[in-house]
Amino acid sequence: MTRRNHDRHILALPASASIGAPDSPVSCLPRCRAGTRMNFYWLMLAASIVAALAGQVLLKAGAGAASFMGQLFDPSTLVGLVLYGGAAMLYIVALRRIPMSVALPCTAVSYVAATVIGHYAFGEAVTPMRVGAIAMICAGVVLLAAS
């Protein structure tokens, strides 16, 4: 099968396909050609999520500068911006094989991590309402994945 036909096969899902089905191209545990459970594109998605989260943490760390220009040129901010750009590139690679309707909800894991990091690294409050909101986001992602 040519690369072009392979791409078309992955993107053209039958009406009966569902996320998580063992033979589904968008299985929650995708198979690569060698038969392993994790493939390159899912690793790129995971790396994208981690890089974006690290970038966000560094942008927050650079927010302590006295002025906007000081913050903009703070080394933490500059590295954070580079990580954001790298995360976008990794996400683009991941989208070559992972449907956007699956990839984007996977990024919601960063909301949970950002709340934990914000609390422990920056002393941000974690209120019951915030915990409830994050729980609703997680439940929405689970429902979306199951549909």
Protein backbone atom coordinates (compact mmCIF):
# COMPACT_ATOMS: atom_id res chain seq x y z
CA MET A 1 0.00 0.00 0.00
CA THR A 2 1.43 3.37 -0.94
CA ARG A 3 1.92 6.09 1.65
CA ARG A 4 -0.90 8.13 0.11
CA ASN A 5 -3.33 5.18 0.20
CA HIS A 6 -2.26 4.37 3.75
CA ASP A 7 -3.09 7.95 4.82
CA ARG A 8 -6.47 7.76 3.12
CA HIS A 9 -7.19 4.42 4.82
CA ILE A 10 -6.44 5.84 8.27
CA LEU A 11 -8.60 8.92 7.79
CA ALA A 12 -11.57 7.18 6.13
CA LEU A 13 -13.23 5.41 9.04
CA PRO A 14 -16.16 3.08 8.50
CA ALA A 15 -19.43 4.12 10.14
CA SER A 16 -19.13 1.22 12.58
CA ALA A 17 -15.66 2.25 13.80
CA SER A 18 -15.42 3.36 17.39
CA ILE A 19 -12.60 4.71 19.48
CA GLY A 20 -11.11 1.95 21.53
CA ALA A 21 -12.17 -0.94 19.30
CA PRO A 22 -9.19 -3.31 18.92
CA ASP A 23 -9.22 -3.07 15.12
CA SER A 24 -9.95 0.66 14.99
CA PRO A 25 -7.37 3.02 13.46
CA VAL A 26 -8.11 5.39 16.37
CA SER A 27 -7.85 2.79 19.11
CA CYS A 28 -6.87 4.16 22.50
CA LEU A 29 -3.94 1.74 22.31
CA PRO A 30 -2.90 2.14 18.68
CA ARG A 31 -0.73 -0.35 16.88
CA CYS A 32 2.18 0.60 14.68
CA ARG A 33 3.24 -1.49 11.70
CA ALA A 34 5.54 -3.62 13.84
CA GLY A 35 2.61 -4.57 16.09
CA THR A 36 3.70 -2.67 19.20
CA ARG A 37 1.06 -0.83 21.24
CA MET A 38 2.60 2.64 21.15
CA ASN A 39 3.72 4.29 17.96
CA PHE A 40 5.69 7.30 16.90
CA TYR A 41 2.69 9.62 16.46
CA TRP A 42 1.34 8.95 19.95
CA LEU A 43 4.79 9.61 21.35
CA MET A 44 4.84 12.92 19.46
CA LEU A 45 1.46 13.82 20.98
CA ALA A 46 2.70 13.00 24.48
CA ALA A 47 5.90 15.00 23.90
CA SER A 48 3.81 17.91 22.62
CA ILE A 49 1.69 17.91 25.77
CA VAL A 50 4.75 17.77 28.04
CA ALA A 51 6.57 20.52 26.09
CA ALA A 52 3.52 22.80 26.15
CA LEU A 53 3.07 22.27 29.87
CA ALA A 54 6.76 22.95 30.55
CA GLY A 55 6.51 26.08 28.40
CA GLN A 56 3.50 27.26 30.38
CA VAL A 57 5.33 26.73 33.68
CA LEU A 58 8.32 28.71 32.40
CA LEU A 59 6.08 31.54 31.17
CA LYS A 60 4.57 31.71 34.65
CA ALA A 61 8.04 31.66 36.21
CA GLY A 62 9.04 34.63 34.04
CA ALA A 63 5.94 36.58 35.09
CA GLY A 64 7.67 37.92 38.20
CA ALA A 65 9.58 40.60 36.27
CA ALA A 66 8.96 44.25 37.10
CA SER A 67 7.89 45.24 33.57
CA PHE A 68 6.43 43.62 30.49
CA MET A 69 9.70 44.05 28.58
CA GLY A 70 11.59 42.56 31.51
CA GLN A 71 9.23 39.61 31.48
CA LEU A 72 9.44 39.24 27.70
CA PHE A 73 13.24 38.98 27.77
CA ASP A 74 13.46 36.93 30.96
CA PRO A 75 15.33 33.67 30.17
CA SER A 76 12.42 31.64 31.59
CA THR A 77 9.99 33.36 29.24
CA LEU A 78 12.26 32.90 26.23
CA VAL A 79 12.74 29.18 26.90
CA GLY A 80 8.99 28.86 27.54
CA LEU A 81 8.22 30.42 24.16
CA VAL A 82 10.68 28.06 22.44
CA LEU A 83 9.02 25.10 24.17
CA TYR A 84 5.60 26.31 23.03
CA GLY A 85 6.86 26.50 19.45
CA GLY A 86 8.38 23.04 19.75
CA ALA A 87 5.13 21.72 21.18
CA ALA A 88 3.25 23.07 18.17
CA MET A 89 5.67 21.31 15.81
CA LEU A 90 5.30 18.02 17.68
CA TYR A 91 1.51 18.39 17.63
CA ILE A 92 1.57 18.93 13.88
CA VAL A 93 3.51 15.68 13.49
CA ALA A 94 1.04 13.84 15.75
CA LEU A 95 -1.91 15.10 13.70
CA ARG A 96 -0.53 13.34 10.63
CA ARG A 97 -1.99 10.05 11.93
CA ILE A 98 -4.13 10.86 14.97
CA PRO A 99 -7.55 12.39 14.28
CA MET A 100 -7.88 15.87 15.75
CA SER A 101 -11.07 14.83 17.55
CA VAL A 102 -8.92 12.36 19.50
CA ALA A 103 -5.66 14.32 19.82
CA LEU A 104 -7.09 17.57 21.13
CA PRO A 105 -9.03 16.05 24.05
CA CYS A 106 -5.86 14.18 25.05
CA THR A 107 -4.26 17.55 25.76
CA ALA A 108 -6.75 18.07 28.60
CA VAL A 109 -4.44 16.05 30.84
CA SER A 110 -2.36 19.22 31.02
CA TYR A 111 -5.19 20.96 32.94
CA VAL A 112 -4.80 18.52 35.80
CA ALA A 113 -1.01 18.78 35.74
CA ALA A 114 -1.13 22.59 35.53
CA THR A 115 -3.34 22.76 38.60
CA VAL A 116 -1.01 20.52 40.61
CA ILE A 117 2.12 22.39 39.44
CA GLY A 118 0.46 25.76 40.04
CA HIS A 119 -0.42 24.76 43.57
CA TYR A 120 2.94 23.32 44.58
CA ALA A 121 5.32 25.50 42.56
CA PHE A 122 3.52 28.85 42.65
CA GLY A 123 1.28 28.61 45.71
CA GLU A 124 -1.95 28.90 43.73
CA ALA A 125 -5.15 28.01 45.53
CA VAL A 126 -6.97 24.80 44.61
CA THR A 127 -10.56 25.42 45.62
CA PRO A 128 -13.33 22.83 45.62
CA MET A 129 -14.87 24.64 42.64
CA ARG A 130 -11.62 24.34 40.68
CA VAL A 131 -11.36 20.64 41.53
CA GLY A 132 -14.97 20.16 40.40
CA ALA A 133 -14.32 22.02 37.15
CA ILE A 134 -11.29 19.86 36.38
CA ALA A 135 -13.30 16.74 37.20
CA MET A 136 -15.96 17.87 34.72
CA ILE A 137 -13.31 18.43 32.06
CA CYS A 138 -11.91 14.95 32.65
CA ALA A 139 -15.39 13.42 32.55
CA GLY A 140 -16.07 15.23 29.28
CA VAL A 141 -12.88 13.85 27.76
CA VAL A 142 -13.82 10.32 28.85
CA LEU A 143 -17.31 10.72 27.38
CA LEU A 144 -15.89 12.07 24.14
CA ALA A 145 -13.44 9.18 23.88
CA ALA A 146 -16.24 6.68 24.50
CA SER A 147 -18.54 8.15 21.84
